[in-house]
Amino acid sequence: MLRNTMTAALLGSAFFSLPFMALPVAAQTTYPLKLQNCGVDLSFDHAPESVVAVGQAATEIFYSLGLEDKVQGTSVWFTDVLPEFAEVNAKVERLADNDPSFEAILAKKPGLVAIQYEWHIGPQGIVGTREQFDDVGVPTYILPADCWQKDNSVGSDGTRTAMFEMESIYAGVDELGQIFDVKDRSDALVSELKAREAAAVETAKALNLKEASAVFWFSSAEIDVDPYVAGRKGPPGYMMEALGLRNVIESDEEWPTVSWESIARANPSVIVVASMDRRRFEADDVERKLEFLKNDPVASQMDAVINNRIVVMDGHSMDPSIRNVAALETLAQALAGFGLQ
């Protein structure tokens, strides 16, 4: 069984050294900087002195841009930090593994709160609304990938109105580079990610896949109930389309629940299962997932299980983040070894 957990691809990536290498000179940010972010107008008179990140994806962007000294707190974690940042991350206070409180964030007196998901801080945010933070003088910035052609009022994790685009990730990196006046670093990071994305797509195109299909299994509330699988327009949907795979799930929800009977009837050629440190649900444990696939009377009969065409992938890379590029690389490499048509 293929056990690609992203680490090799991540360690080989050049962009993790970006904060420490000589970078080309880029224009400095001109303040006041005005941006529109997920329907909210923002204005910055200067680079924020500090930031609290509500979401692992946001935290890892700050580390990748060499802004770790600005990060006063972090929260909402799925798995270990990228290996390159283990020492840096150990010095940053984790306000919560999952959902931080409004009070815990304000206690850090942040100059900015950077958010991965609107359902944490947004119109109906479980941590708070953007208006609540604005009322106490704290600006908020949501990573664009969570509202870019997406309706977060429909479905538990939102519903995409169009296919996810990597440009939404690059836009977040670029805008944070502008906000914190490190445009040279953000430009270099985006350039590196785009080059790797293109190379992974070319690797898969060379396979000339015509009939291959896949399903991405993120988790399940209980191991033997309908799983949370990737809808057709989220990041995994983009990965499948870019690499020549048909997504057997037809919902536009980000992570719909679909019965194993329905998935088995679709009989995907490849199953991608998420690995994570989070233990909110029973099926967060990848070993439980693999055991289920092997022993369940329905799931075990799928071609992907019988032929060991199972890819274990970092769960955080299935959500919008800079890890999406490494996920593309992981899946492209796996496909090359499966002998699919």
Protein backbone atom coordinates (compact mmCIF):
# COMPACT_ATOMS: atom_id res chain seq x y z
CA MET A 1 0.00 0.00 0.00
CA LEU A 2 1.39 3.37 -0.95
CA ARG A 3 2.01 5.53 2.13
CA ASN A 4 2.80 8.97 0.74
CA THR A 5 2.55 11.37 3.68
CA MET A 6 3.93 14.46 1.94
CA THR A 7 7.07 14.72 4.08
CA ALA A 8 9.52 13.86 1.34
CA ALA A 9 7.98 16.30 -1.07
CA LEU A 10 7.89 19.03 1.53
CA LEU A 11 11.48 18.54 2.64
CA GLY A 12 12.59 18.73 -0.97
CA SER A 13 10.81 21.98 -1.61
CA ALA A 14 12.96 25.00 -2.20
CA PHE A 15 10.50 27.50 -0.86
CA PHE A 16 11.01 26.60 2.78
CA SER A 17 14.39 28.29 2.68
CA LEU A 18 13.00 31.47 1.16
CA PRO A 19 13.11 33.58 4.33
CA PHE A 20 16.82 32.83 4.65
CA MET A 21 18.05 33.27 1.08
CA ALA A 22 18.99 36.34 -0.91
CA LEU A 23 15.89 37.62 -2.68
CA PRO A 24 15.46 40.09 -5.52
CA VAL A 25 14.59 43.64 -4.55
CA ALA A 26 10.89 44.40 -4.86
CA ALA A 27 8.92 47.58 -4.44
CA GLN A 28 8.00 48.39 -0.87
CA THR A 29 4.37 48.59 0.14
CA THR A 30 2.90 52.04 -0.15
CA TYR A 31 0.71 52.84 2.82
CA PRO A 32 -2.09 53.39 3.35
CA LEU A 33 -2.75 50.02 1.72
CA LYS A 34 -6.37 49.37 0.78
CA LEU A 35 -7.71 45.90 0.05
CA GLN A 36 -11.07 44.21 -0.24
CA ASN A 37 -11.10 40.93 1.64
CA CYS A 38 -14.07 38.55 1.47
CA GLY A 39 -16.48 41.44 1.07
CA VAL A 40 -14.86 43.69 3.69
CA ASP A 41 -12.82 46.81 2.91
CA LEU A 42 -9.49 46.93 4.75
CA SER A 43 -7.02 49.76 5.14
CA PHE A 44 -3.54 49.56 6.69
CA ASP A 45 -1.51 52.65 7.59
CA HIS A 46 1.53 50.49 8.34
CA ALA A 47 2.55 46.86 8.64
CA PRO A 48 0.90 45.25 11.69
CA GLU A 49 3.25 44.78 14.62
CA SER A 50 1.74 41.41 15.52
CA VAL A 51 -0.73 38.79 14.33
CA VAL A 52 -2.78 35.94 15.73
CA ALA A 53 -3.48 33.13 13.26
CA VAL A 54 -6.76 31.24 13.45
CA GLY A 55 -5.88 28.37 11.18
CA GLN A 56 -2.81 26.27 10.44
CA ALA A 57 -2.79 27.41 6.80
CA ALA A 58 -2.42 31.05 7.82
CA THR A 59 0.29 30.23 10.37
CA GLU A 60 2.40 28.36 7.84
CA ILE A 61 2.20 31.21 5.35
CA PHE A 62 3.61 33.58 7.99
CA TYR A 63 6.44 31.16 8.73
CA SER A 64 7.14 30.73 5.00
CA LEU A 65 7.38 34.51 4.64
CA GLY A 66 9.83 34.79 7.53
CA LEU A 67 7.28 36.58 9.72
CA GLU A 68 7.41 34.18 12.67
CA ASP A 69 8.41 36.99 15.04
CA LYS A 70 5.07 38.67 14.31
CA VAL A 71 2.99 35.60 15.28
CA GLN A 72 1.78 35.96 18.86
CA GLY A 73 -0.58 33.00 18.85
CA THR A 74 -1.89 30.22 16.64
CA SER A 75 -4.82 27.79 16.63
CA VAL A 76 -6.85 25.26 14.60
CA TRP A 77 -4.30 22.55 13.81
CA PHE A 78 -4.76 19.33 11.85
CA THR A 79 -1.26 17.90 11.86
CA ASP A 80 2.35 18.70 12.73
CA VAL A 81 3.79 21.93 11.46
CA LEU A 82 5.93 21.66 8.34
CA PRO A 83 9.25 20.10 9.41
CA GLU A 84 11.24 23.18 8.48
CA PHE A 85 9.34 25.22 11.05
CA ALA A 86 9.29 22.88 14.04
CA GLU A 87 11.73 24.99 16.05
CA VAL A 88 10.00 28.24 15.12
CA ASN A 89 6.54 26.89 15.91
CA ALA A 90 7.63 25.61 19.33
CA LYS A 91 8.15 29.24 20.40
CA VAL A 92 4.68 30.37 19.36
CA GLU A 93 1.83 30.00 21.83
CA ARG A 94 -0.91 27.65 20.68
CA LEU A 95 -4.14 29.21 21.91
CA ALA A 96 -6.11 26.07 21.07
CA ASP A 97 -5.67 22.93 19.02
CA ASN A 98 -9.12 23.55 17.59
CA ASP A 99 -11.31 26.62 18.19
CA PRO A 100 -9.80 29.52 20.17
CA SER A 101 -11.98 31.84 22.21
CA PHE A 102 -12.62 35.47 21.34
CA GLU A 103 -11.08 36.47 24.68
CA ALA A 104 -7.92 34.38 24.15
CA ILE A 105 -7.27 36.12 20.84
CA LEU A 106 -7.81 39.62 22.23
CA ALA A 107 -5.55 38.85 25.19
CA LYS A 108 -2.61 38.73 22.74
CA LYS A 109 -3.40 42.33 21.63
CA PRO A 110 -2.91 41.48 17.93
CA GLY A 111 -2.45 44.09 15.24
CA LEU A 112 -4.20 41.67 12.87
CA VAL A 113 -6.12 38.39 13.09
CA ALA A 114 -5.54 36.13 10.08
CA ILE A 115 -8.21 33.51 9.50
CA GLN A 116 -8.37 30.29 7.50
CA TYR A 117 -12.14 29.67 7.64
CA GLU A 118 -15.07 32.07 7.71
CA TRP A 119 -16.94 29.67 9.97
CA HIS A 120 -14.46 30.59 12.72
CA ILE A 121 -14.54 34.36 12.20
CA GLY A 122 -17.12 35.55 9.71
CA PRO A 123 -20.81 36.42 9.39
CA GLN A 124 -21.79 33.55 11.73
CA GLY A 125 -18.34 32.84 13.16
CA ILE A 126 -18.21 30.46 16.11
CA VAL A 127 -15.26 32.42 17.54
CA GLY A 128 -16.73 35.81 16.66
CA THR A 129 -17.74 38.04 13.79
CA ARG A 130 -15.49 40.44 11.95
CA GLU A 131 -17.66 43.27 13.28
CA GLN A 132 -16.96 42.21 16.86
CA PHE A 133 -13.22 42.41 16.24
CA ASP A 134 -13.60 45.70 14.39
CA ASP A 135 -15.52 47.13 17.36
CA VAL A 136 -12.42 46.64 19.54
CA GLY A 137 -10.04 47.98 16.90
CA VAL A 138 -8.63 44.67 15.65
CA PRO A 139 -8.65 44.17 11.85
CA THR A 140 -9.30 40.71 10.45
CA TYR A 141 -8.07 39.10 7.23
CA ILE A 142 -9.56 35.87 5.84
CA LEU A 143 -7.45 33.80 3.44
CA PRO A 144 -9.19 34.42 0.08
CA ALA A 145 -9.42 30.70 -0.76
CA ASP A 146 -12.28 30.32 1.72
CA CYS A 147 -14.53 32.89 0.04
CA TRP A 148 -13.23 32.88 -3.56
CA GLN A 149 -16.24 31.71 -5.61
CA LYS A 150 -17.61 29.98 -2.52
CA ASP A 151 -20.84 30.36 -0.52
CA ASN A 152 -20.15 29.58 3.13
CA SER A 153 -23.82 29.88 4.05
CA VAL A 154 -24.67 26.63 2.23
CA GLY A 155 -23.54 23.28 3.60
CA SER A 156 -21.60 22.60 6.79
CA ASP A 157 -18.27 23.53 5.20
CA GLY A 158 -19.56 25.80 2.46
CA THR A 159 -20.35 25.18 -1.20
CA ARG A 160 -18.18 26.09 -4.18
CA THR A 161 -19.87 28.02 -6.97
CA ALA A 162 -16.93 27.35 -9.31
CA MET A 163 -13.87 25.13 -9.33
CA PHE A 164 -11.22 25.94 -6.72
CA GLU A 165 -8.28 27.83 -8.20
CA MET A 166 -4.72 27.84 -6.93
CA GLU A 167 -4.78 31.56 -7.72
CA SER A 168 -6.85 31.98 -4.55
CA ILE A 169 -3.92 30.59 -2.54
CA TYR A 170 -1.42 32.76 -4.36
CA ALA A 171 -3.62 35.81 -3.80
CA GLY A 172 -3.52 35.24 -0.04
CA VAL A 173 0.27 34.94 -0.05
CA ASP A 174 0.58 38.06 -2.20
CA GLU A 175 -1.77 40.17 -0.07
CA LEU A 176 -0.13 39.16 3.20
CA GLY A 177 3.19 40.06 1.60
CA GLN A 178 1.77 43.50 0.83
CA ILE A 179 0.22 43.96 4.27
CA PHE A 180 3.47 43.12 6.06
CA ASP A 181 5.75 44.84 3.49
CA VAL A 182 7.60 41.66 2.46
CA LYS A 183 6.53 41.61 -1.17
CA ASP A 184 9.91 40.27 -2.28
CA ARG A 185 9.38 37.17 -0.17
CA SER A 186 5.78 36.62 -1.21
CA ASP A 187 6.67 37.03 -4.90
CA ALA A 188 9.43 34.44 -4.58
CA LEU A 189 7.17 32.00 -2.73
CA VAL A 190 4.39 32.30 -5.30
CA SER A 191 6.83 31.85 -8.17
CA GLU A 192 8.22 28.68 -6.62
CA LEU A 193 4.78 27.23 -5.92
CA LYS A 194 3.55 27.94 -9.44
CA ALA A 195 6.57 26.22 -10.98
CA ARG A 196 6.03 23.12 -8.86
CA GLU A 197 2.31 23.08 -9.62
CA ALA A 198 2.99 23.15 -13.36
CA ALA A 199 5.58 20.38 -13.11
CA ALA A 200 3.21 18.08 -11.19
CA VAL A 201 0.46 18.60 -13.77
CA GLU A 202 2.87 17.78 -16.60
CA THR A 203 3.92 14.57 -14.82
CA ALA A 204 0.32 13.41 -14.70
CA LYS A 205 -0.47 14.50 -18.26
CA ALA A 206 2.30 12.21 -19.48
CA LEU A 207 0.31 9.25 -18.08
CA ASN A 208 -2.54 10.04 -20.51
CA LEU A 209 -5.23 8.81 -18.12
CA LYS A 210 -8.63 8.34 -19.75
CA GLU A 211 -10.88 6.28 -17.46
CA ALA A 212 -9.30 6.64 -14.02
CA SER A 213 -11.34 8.00 -11.10
CA ALA A 214 -10.81 8.79 -7.44
CA VAL A 215 -12.38 9.70 -4.11
CA PHE A 216 -10.80 11.71 -1.27
CA TRP A 217 -11.83 10.54 2.23
CA PHE A 218 -11.12 13.18 4.86
CA SER A 219 -12.83 11.75 7.94
CA SER A 220 -16.10 10.41 9.41
CA ALA A 221 -17.98 11.23 12.60
CA GLU A 222 -17.77 7.51 13.38
CA ILE A 223 -15.75 4.95 11.52
CA ASP A 224 -18.71 3.05 10.08
CA VAL A 225 -20.99 5.94 9.11
CA ASP A 226 -21.16 7.92 5.87
CA PRO A 227 -17.74 9.52 5.31
CA TYR A 228 -16.83 13.14 4.68
CA VAL A 229 -15.50 13.09 1.14
CA ALA A 230 -14.29 15.78 -1.22
CA GLY A 231 -16.87 17.53 -3.37
CA ARG A 232 -16.16 18.12 -7.02
CA LYS A 233 -15.12 21.80 -6.82
CA GLY A 234 -12.84 22.06 -3.76
CA PRO A 235 -9.04 21.68 -3.72
CA PRO A 236 -9.15 17.87 -4.11
CA GLY A 237 -11.60 18.32 -6.99
CA TYR A 238 -9.12 20.67 -8.63
CA MET A 239 -6.30 18.17 -8.05
CA MET A 240 -8.26 15.34 -9.63
CA GLU A 241 -9.24 17.43 -12.66
CA ALA A 242 -5.71 18.77 -13.12
CA LEU A 243 -4.20 15.27 -12.97
CA GLY A 244 -6.71 13.57 -15.25
CA LEU A 245 -8.89 11.82 -12.65
CA ARG A 246 -12.69 11.83 -12.50
CA ASN A 247 -14.12 12.63 -9.08
CA VAL A 248 -16.82 10.04 -8.32
CA ILE A 249 -18.50 12.53 -5.95
CA GLU A 250 -20.86 14.94 -7.74
CA SER A 251 -21.77 17.30 -4.89
CA ASP A 252 -20.57 20.91 -4.92
CA GLU A 253 -20.39 21.00 -1.13
CA GLU A 254 -16.85 21.24 0.19
CA TRP A 255 -17.04 18.02 2.25
CA PRO A 256 -20.39 16.26 1.75
CA THR A 257 -21.27 13.00 3.49
CA VAL A 258 -21.82 10.16 1.00
CA SER A 259 -22.68 6.54 1.76
CA TRP A 260 -20.12 3.79 1.22
CA GLU A 261 -22.71 1.97 -0.86
CA SER A 262 -22.81 4.91 -3.30
CA ILE A 263 -19.01 5.18 -3.38
CA ALA A 264 -18.66 1.43 -3.94
CA ARG A 265 -21.11 1.55 -6.85
CA ALA A 266 -18.96 4.29 -8.42
CA ASN A 267 -15.93 2.03 -7.79
CA PRO A 268 -13.11 4.65 -7.84
CA SER A 269 -9.76 3.60 -9.29
CA VAL A 270 -7.90 5.37 -6.47
CA ILE A 271 -8.78 6.20 -2.87
CA VAL A 272 -6.94 9.07 -1.16
CA VAL A 273 -7.24 9.01 2.63
CA ALA A 274 -6.31 11.82 5.00
CA SER A 275 -3.72 11.45 7.72
CA MET A 276 -3.81 13.95 10.59
CA ASP A 277 -2.96 14.43 14.26
CA ARG A 278 -6.36 15.90 15.04
CA ARG A 279 -8.71 13.53 16.89
CA ARG A 280 -12.04 15.34 16.75
CA PHE A 281 -13.64 12.34 15.02
CA GLU A 282 -12.97 8.62 15.24
CA ALA A 283 -11.94 8.42 11.60
CA ASP A 284 -9.36 11.19 11.98
CA ASP A 285 -7.04 8.25 12.75
CA VAL A 286 -5.67 7.08 9.41
CA GLU A 287 -5.01 3.57 10.73
CA ARG A 288 -8.70 3.22 11.55
CA LYS A 289 -9.50 4.32 8.00
CA LEU A 290 -7.19 1.74 6.48
CA GLU A 291 -8.53 -1.00 8.75
CA PHE A 292 -12.08 -0.11 7.75
CA LEU A 293 -11.31 -0.21 4.03
CA LYS A 294 -9.70 -3.62 4.40
CA ASN A 295 -12.44 -5.22 6.49
CA ASP A 296 -15.76 -3.54 5.70
CA PRO A 297 -17.88 -5.90 3.56
CA VAL A 298 -18.79 -3.11 1.12
CA ALA A 299 -15.68 -0.92 0.99
CA SER A 300 -13.29 -3.86 0.81
CA GLN A 301 -14.75 -4.93 -2.55
CA MET A 302 -13.74 -1.75 -4.38
CA ASP A 303 -11.03 -2.15 -7.03
CA ALA A 304 -8.87 0.49 -5.36
CA VAL A 305 -8.78 -1.55 -2.13
CA ILE A 306 -8.30 -4.92 -3.80
CA ASN A 307 -5.41 -3.56 -5.90
CA ASN A 308 -3.83 -1.44 -3.13
CA ARG A 309 -4.37 1.80 -5.01
CA ILE A 310 -4.64 3.80 -1.78
CA VAL A 311 -2.72 7.01 -1.21
CA VAL A 312 -2.26 8.31 2.34
CA MET A 313 -2.04 12.09 2.19
CA ASP A 314 -1.57 14.85 4.74
CA GLY A 315 -5.12 15.88 5.58
CA HIS A 316 -4.26 19.56 5.86
CA SER A 317 -3.15 19.52 2.21
CA MET A 318 -6.73 18.64 1.21
CA ASP A 319 -7.94 22.02 2.47
CA PRO A 320 -6.86 25.28 0.79
CA SER A 321 -3.25 25.93 1.79
CA ILE A 322 0.24 26.23 0.39
CA ARG A 323 0.42 22.46 0.97
CA ASN A 324 -1.88 21.92 -2.01
CA VAL A 325 1.14 21.98 -4.30
CA ALA A 326 2.88 19.18 -2.41
CA ALA A 327 -0.40 17.25 -2.51
CA LEU A 328 -0.43 17.55 -6.30
CA GLU A 329 3.14 16.23 -6.38
CA THR A 330 2.30 13.34 -4.07
CA LEU A 331 -0.72 12.25 -6.08
CA ALA A 332 1.04 12.65 -9.44
CA GLN A 333 3.90 10.44 -8.22
CA ALA A 334 1.47 7.83 -6.90
CA LEU A 335 -0.47 7.70 -10.16
CA ALA A 336 2.73 7.04 -12.07
CA GLY A 337 3.14 3.81 -10.10
CA PHE A 338 -0.41 2.50 -10.40
CA GLY A 339 -0.45 1.55 -14.08
CA LEU A 340 -3.88 3.11 -14.71
CA GLN A 341 -5.31 3.90 -18.12
